[in-house]
Structures are given as structure tokens and as C-alpha cells.
Amino acid sequence: MDPTTIHGIAPSNLQEVATPSGQAGRGGSQFLDSLKSAISQVNDVQLEAGRAVDALMTGQTENVHQTMVALQKADASFQLMMQVRNKLVAAYEEINRMQI
């Protein structure tokens, strides 16, 4: 898997995943841009944690504390992203249940 993706979804492909027709309204476009930015930031934190672990394992650094902080930061940001995703899915399902 490419390290710049999160669960197989690259931030550049998020438009197609978020809207089946590839079209989004002006408000939807701003929301989508914010979502892409947030996912990209979480991905950057994950990559930084991976680099910290690699540096520790190869002996380039002996700072275990810094590596653990990077791992905890990556875990917290990923957990937050997953909770936001869960809320978005729940909202989408609620909208689908609405009767017109």
C-alpha cells in the first residue's frame, strides 16, 4: 500500500469517493476541501511517526521518548479522524432514512 494513502484512499481521490457524480455544491466543495486537508494532516502525522520508529530501530536516534510521543500523537489524530468519519456516516444514514 502506498504510504500516502489512508486505507487505500488517497486525498486526491477523495472527490470521487465523496460524491459519486464527482460534483459538489459550493458549500460541499468547501467542506470537501476541509476534509481533504484534515485527512492529509492525519496522514502526515502517521508518516512522521513511521519515520520516528524507523530512526529508532536503525539506531539513528536513541530518543525513545520522542518516538513514543510521535506514536501517541499519530494514534490520537487517527482516532479523532475515525470518530469524525463515524459521525459523517451516521449523518448520511439519517438523511437517507428521511422521507420526502
N, C-alpha and C. Protein backbone atom coordinates (compact mmCIF):
# COMPACT_ATOMS: atom_id res chain seq x y z
N MET A 1 0.85 -1.18 0.00
CA MET A 1 0.00 0.00 0.00
C MET A 1 0.89 1.24 0.00
N ASP A 2 0.50 2.22 -0.73
CA ASP A 2 1.22 3.48 -0.82
C ASP A 2 1.14 4.19 0.53
N PRO A 3 2.30 4.67 1.08
CA PRO A 3 2.26 5.31 2.39
C PRO A 3 1.53 6.64 2.41
N THR A 4 1.18 7.19 1.26
CA THR A 4 0.46 8.46 1.24
C THR A 4 -1.05 8.26 1.23
N THR A 5 -1.51 7.03 1.40
CA THR A 5 -2.94 6.77 1.41
C THR A 5 -3.39 6.36 2.80
N ILE A 6 -4.66 6.55 3.05
CA ILE A 6 -5.25 6.10 4.31
C ILE A 6 -6.32 5.08 3.94
N HIS A 7 -6.08 3.84 4.31
CA HIS A 7 -6.99 2.74 3.99
C HIS A 7 -7.33 2.71 2.51
N GLY A 8 -6.31 2.93 1.66
CA GLY A 8 -6.48 2.81 0.23
C GLY A 8 -7.10 4.02 -0.45
N ILE A 9 -7.38 5.08 0.28
CA ILE A 9 -7.98 6.28 -0.30
C ILE A 9 -6.96 7.41 -0.25
N ALA A 10 -6.48 7.81 -1.40
CA ALA A 10 -5.55 8.94 -1.47
C ALA A 10 -6.35 10.23 -1.37
N PRO A 11 -5.80 11.26 -0.72
CA PRO A 11 -6.53 12.52 -0.63
C PRO A 11 -6.94 13.07 -2.00
N SER A 12 -6.16 12.82 -3.04
CA SER A 12 -6.51 13.32 -4.37
C SER A 12 -7.73 12.61 -4.95
N ASN A 13 -8.03 11.39 -4.46
CA ASN A 13 -9.18 10.64 -4.96
C ASN A 13 -10.41 10.83 -4.11
N LEU A 14 -10.35 11.68 -3.11
CA LEU A 14 -11.46 11.85 -2.18
C LEU A 14 -12.69 12.42 -2.86
N GLN A 15 -12.51 13.26 -3.87
CA GLN A 15 -13.66 13.84 -4.58
C GLN A 15 -14.53 12.74 -5.16
N GLU A 16 -13.93 11.73 -5.80
CA GLU A 16 -14.71 10.67 -6.40
C GLU A 16 -15.39 9.79 -5.35
N VAL A 17 -14.73 9.61 -4.21
CA VAL A 17 -15.30 8.80 -3.13
C VAL A 17 -16.46 9.53 -2.47
N ALA A 18 -16.29 10.84 -2.25
CA ALA A 18 -17.29 11.60 -1.50
C ALA A 18 -18.55 11.85 -2.31
N THR A 19 -18.43 12.08 -3.60
CA THR A 19 -19.60 12.35 -4.42
C THR A 19 -19.55 11.46 -5.64
N PRO A 20 -20.52 10.55 -5.79
CA PRO A 20 -20.49 9.62 -6.90
C PRO A 20 -20.41 10.28 -8.27
N SER A 21 -21.06 11.42 -8.45
CA SER A 21 -21.04 12.07 -9.75
C SER A 21 -19.82 12.96 -9.93
N GLY A 22 -19.02 13.13 -8.88
CA GLY A 22 -17.86 13.99 -8.94
C GLY A 22 -18.22 15.47 -8.83
N GLN A 23 -19.49 15.79 -8.59
CA GLN A 23 -19.94 17.17 -8.50
C GLN A 23 -20.26 17.49 -7.04
N ALA A 24 -19.92 18.68 -6.63
CA ALA A 24 -20.27 19.13 -5.28
C ALA A 24 -20.66 20.59 -5.37
N GLY A 25 -21.60 21.00 -4.52
CA GLY A 25 -22.02 22.40 -4.50
C GLY A 25 -20.93 23.26 -3.90
N ARG A 26 -21.17 24.58 -3.86
CA ARG A 26 -20.16 25.49 -3.33
C ARG A 26 -19.87 25.19 -1.87
N GLY A 27 -20.90 24.98 -1.07
CA GLY A 27 -20.71 24.63 0.33
C GLY A 27 -20.09 23.26 0.48
N GLY A 28 -20.50 22.33 -0.37
CA GLY A 28 -19.94 20.99 -0.35
C GLY A 28 -18.48 21.00 -0.74
N SER A 29 -18.13 21.88 -1.65
CA SER A 29 -16.74 21.99 -2.10
C SER A 29 -15.85 22.47 -0.96
N GLN A 30 -16.32 23.46 -0.20
CA GLN A 30 -15.54 23.95 0.93
C GLN A 30 -15.40 22.88 2.00
N PHE A 31 -16.48 22.15 2.24
CA PHE A 31 -16.44 21.07 3.21
C PHE A 31 -15.47 19.98 2.75
N LEU A 32 -15.53 19.65 1.47
CA LEU A 32 -14.66 18.62 0.92
C LEU A 32 -13.20 19.05 1.01
N ASP A 33 -12.91 20.32 0.74
CA ASP A 33 -11.54 20.81 0.86
C ASP A 33 -11.06 20.72 2.30
N SER A 34 -11.92 21.06 3.25
CA SER A 34 -11.55 20.95 4.66
C SER A 34 -11.30 19.51 5.06
N LEU A 35 -12.13 18.62 4.56
CA LEU A 35 -11.98 17.19 4.86
C LEU A 35 -10.68 16.66 4.27
N LYS A 36 -10.40 17.02 3.03
CA LYS A 36 -9.14 16.60 2.40
C LYS A 36 -7.94 17.09 3.20
N SER A 37 -7.99 18.34 3.63
CA SER A 37 -6.90 18.92 4.39
C SER A 37 -6.70 18.17 5.71
N ALA A 38 -7.79 17.87 6.39
CA ALA A 38 -7.71 17.15 7.67
C ALA A 38 -7.13 15.76 7.47
N ILE A 39 -7.58 15.06 6.44
CA ILE A 39 -7.06 13.71 6.17
C ILE A 39 -5.58 13.78 5.82
N SER A 40 -5.21 14.77 5.06
CA SER A 40 -3.80 14.95 4.70
C SER A 40 -2.94 15.20 5.93
N GLN A 41 -3.44 16.01 6.87
CA GLN A 41 -2.71 16.29 8.09
C GLN A 41 -2.55 15.03 8.94
N VAL A 42 -3.61 14.23 9.04
CA VAL A 42 -3.53 12.98 9.79
C VAL A 42 -2.52 12.05 9.13
N ASN A 43 -2.54 12.00 7.81
CA ASN A 43 -1.60 11.16 7.08
C ASN A 43 -0.16 11.61 7.34
N ASP A 44 0.07 12.93 7.35
CA ASP A 44 1.41 13.46 7.62
C ASP A 44 1.89 13.06 9.02
N VAL A 45 0.99 13.12 10.00
CA VAL A 45 1.35 12.72 11.37
C VAL A 45 1.68 11.23 11.41
N GLN A 46 0.92 10.41 10.68
CA GLN A 46 1.18 8.97 10.63
C GLN A 46 2.55 8.70 10.00
N LEU A 47 2.86 9.40 8.92
CA LEU A 47 4.15 9.23 8.25
C LEU A 47 5.30 9.66 9.15
N GLU A 48 5.11 10.75 9.87
CA GLU A 48 6.14 11.24 10.80
C GLU A 48 6.40 10.21 11.90
N ALA A 49 5.35 9.60 12.41
CA ALA A 49 5.51 8.57 13.44
C ALA A 49 6.27 7.37 12.86
N GLY A 50 5.96 7.00 11.64
CA GLY A 50 6.67 5.90 10.99
C GLY A 50 8.15 6.21 10.83
N ARG A 51 8.46 7.45 10.45
CA ARG A 51 9.87 7.84 10.32
C ARG A 51 10.57 7.81 11.68
N ALA A 52 9.87 8.21 12.74
CA ALA A 52 10.47 8.21 14.08
C ALA A 52 10.77 6.78 14.52
N VAL A 53 9.86 5.86 14.24
CA VAL A 53 10.09 4.45 14.59
C VAL A 53 11.26 3.89 13.78
N ASP A 54 11.29 4.20 12.49
CA ASP A 54 12.40 3.73 11.64
C ASP A 54 13.74 4.25 12.15
N ALA A 55 13.78 5.53 12.54
CA ALA A 55 15.01 6.12 13.05
C ALA A 55 15.45 5.44 14.34
N LEU A 56 14.49 5.11 15.20
CA LEU A 56 14.82 4.43 16.46
C LEU A 56 15.32 3.02 16.20
N MET A 57 14.68 2.32 15.28
CA MET A 57 15.06 0.93 15.00
C MET A 57 16.41 0.82 14.30
N THR A 58 16.75 1.81 13.49
CA THR A 58 18.02 1.76 12.77
C THR A 58 19.16 2.38 13.56
N GLY A 59 18.88 2.90 14.74
CA GLY A 59 19.91 3.46 15.59
C GLY A 59 20.28 4.89 15.25
N GLN A 60 19.51 5.54 14.39
CA GLN A 60 19.80 6.93 14.05
C GLN A 60 19.48 7.86 15.21
N THR A 61 18.61 7.42 16.10
CA THR A 61 18.29 8.19 17.30
C THR A 61 18.10 7.22 18.46
N GLU A 62 18.34 7.70 19.65
CA GLU A 62 18.12 6.89 20.84
C GLU A 62 17.04 7.50 21.72
N ASN A 63 16.32 8.47 21.18
CA ASN A 63 15.31 9.19 21.94
C ASN A 63 13.98 8.43 21.88
N VAL A 64 13.80 7.52 22.82
CA VAL A 64 12.58 6.72 22.88
C VAL A 64 11.38 7.60 23.23
N HIS A 65 11.60 8.59 24.06
CA HIS A 65 10.52 9.48 24.47
C HIS A 65 9.90 10.20 23.27
N GLN A 66 10.74 10.75 22.41
CA GLN A 66 10.25 11.46 21.23
C GLN A 66 9.48 10.51 20.30
N THR A 67 9.97 9.29 20.17
CA THR A 67 9.29 8.30 19.33
C THR A 67 7.93 7.94 19.90
N MET A 68 7.84 7.75 21.20
CA MET A 68 6.57 7.42 21.83
C MET A 68 5.57 8.57 21.72
N VAL A 69 6.06 9.79 21.84
CA VAL A 69 5.18 10.96 21.69
C VAL A 69 4.64 11.01 20.27
N ALA A 70 5.49 10.76 19.28
CA ALA A 70 5.06 10.77 17.88
C ALA A 70 4.02 9.67 17.64
N LEU A 71 4.22 8.50 18.23
CA LEU A 71 3.26 7.41 18.06
C LEU A 71 1.92 7.73 18.73
N GLN A 72 1.95 8.32 19.92
CA GLN A 72 0.71 8.68 20.61
C GLN A 72 -0.04 9.79 19.87
N LYS A 73 0.72 10.75 19.33
CA LYS A 73 0.10 11.81 18.55
C LYS A 73 -0.57 11.24 17.31
N ALA A 74 0.10 10.30 16.64
CA ALA A 74 -0.47 9.67 15.45
C ALA A 74 -1.72 8.87 15.81
N ASP A 75 -1.68 8.16 16.92
CA ASP A 75 -2.83 7.37 17.35
C ASP A 75 -4.02 8.28 17.69
N ALA A 76 -3.76 9.36 18.42
CA ALA A 76 -4.85 10.27 18.80
C ALA A 76 -5.47 10.93 17.57
N SER A 77 -4.64 11.35 16.62
CA SER A 77 -5.19 12.00 15.42
C SER A 77 -5.97 11.01 14.58
N PHE A 78 -5.50 9.76 14.52
CA PHE A 78 -6.23 8.74 13.75
C PHE A 78 -7.57 8.41 14.41
N GLN A 79 -7.57 8.29 15.74
CA GLN A 79 -8.82 8.01 16.46
C GLN A 79 -9.83 9.14 16.27
N LEU A 80 -9.36 10.38 16.30
CA LEU A 80 -10.24 11.52 16.07
C LEU A 80 -10.82 11.48 14.66
N MET A 81 -9.97 11.18 13.68
CA MET A 81 -10.44 11.09 12.30
C MET A 81 -11.50 9.99 12.16
N MET A 82 -11.30 8.87 12.82
CA MET A 82 -12.27 7.77 12.75
C MET A 82 -13.60 8.17 13.39
N GLN A 83 -13.57 8.92 14.48
CA GLN A 83 -14.80 9.37 15.12
C GLN A 83 -15.55 10.36 14.23
N VAL A 84 -14.81 11.25 13.57
CA VAL A 84 -15.44 12.18 12.62
C VAL A 84 -16.07 11.39 11.49
N ARG A 85 -15.35 10.40 10.98
CA ARG A 85 -15.90 9.55 9.91
C ARG A 85 -17.18 8.87 10.37
N ASN A 86 -17.18 8.33 11.59
CA ASN A 86 -18.37 7.66 12.12
C ASN A 86 -19.55 8.62 12.21
N LYS A 87 -19.30 9.85 12.63
CA LYS A 87 -20.38 10.85 12.70
C LYS A 87 -20.90 11.20 11.31
N LEU A 88 -20.00 11.31 10.34
CA LEU A 88 -20.42 11.60 8.96
C LEU A 88 -21.26 10.46 8.39
N VAL A 89 -20.85 9.24 8.65
CA VAL A 89 -21.62 8.09 8.17
C VAL A 89 -22.99 8.05 8.84
N ALA A 90 -23.03 8.32 10.12
CA ALA A 90 -24.31 8.33 10.83
C ALA A 90 -25.23 9.42 10.28
N ALA A 91 -24.68 10.59 10.00
CA ALA A 91 -25.48 11.68 9.43
C ALA A 91 -25.99 11.31 8.05
N TYR A 92 -25.15 10.69 7.24
CA TYR A 92 -25.54 10.26 5.90
C TYR A 92 -26.68 9.23 5.97
N GLU A 93 -26.54 8.27 6.89
CA GLU A 93 -27.59 7.26 7.05
C GLU A 93 -28.89 7.89 7.53
N GLU A 94 -28.81 8.87 8.42
CA GLU A 94 -30.00 9.56 8.92
C GLU A 94 -30.70 10.30 7.77
N ILE A 95 -29.92 10.96 6.94
CA ILE A 95 -30.51 11.67 5.78
C ILE A 95 -31.17 10.69 4.83
N ASN A 96 -30.57 9.53 4.62
CA ASN A 96 -31.15 8.53 3.75
C ASN A 96 -32.47 7.97 4.29
N ARG A 97 -32.62 7.96 5.62
CA ARG A 97 -33.85 7.45 6.24
C ARG A 97 -35.00 8.45 6.19
N MET A 98 -34.68 9.71 5.90
CA MET A 98 -35.73 10.73 5.87
C MET A 98 -36.69 10.48 4.72
N GLN A 99 -37.98 10.67 5.01
CA GLN A 99 -38.99 10.51 3.98
C GLN A 99 -39.29 11.86 3.36
N ILE A 100 -39.45 11.84 2.07
CA ILE A 100 -39.73 13.09 1.35
C ILE A 100 -41.21 13.24 1.14
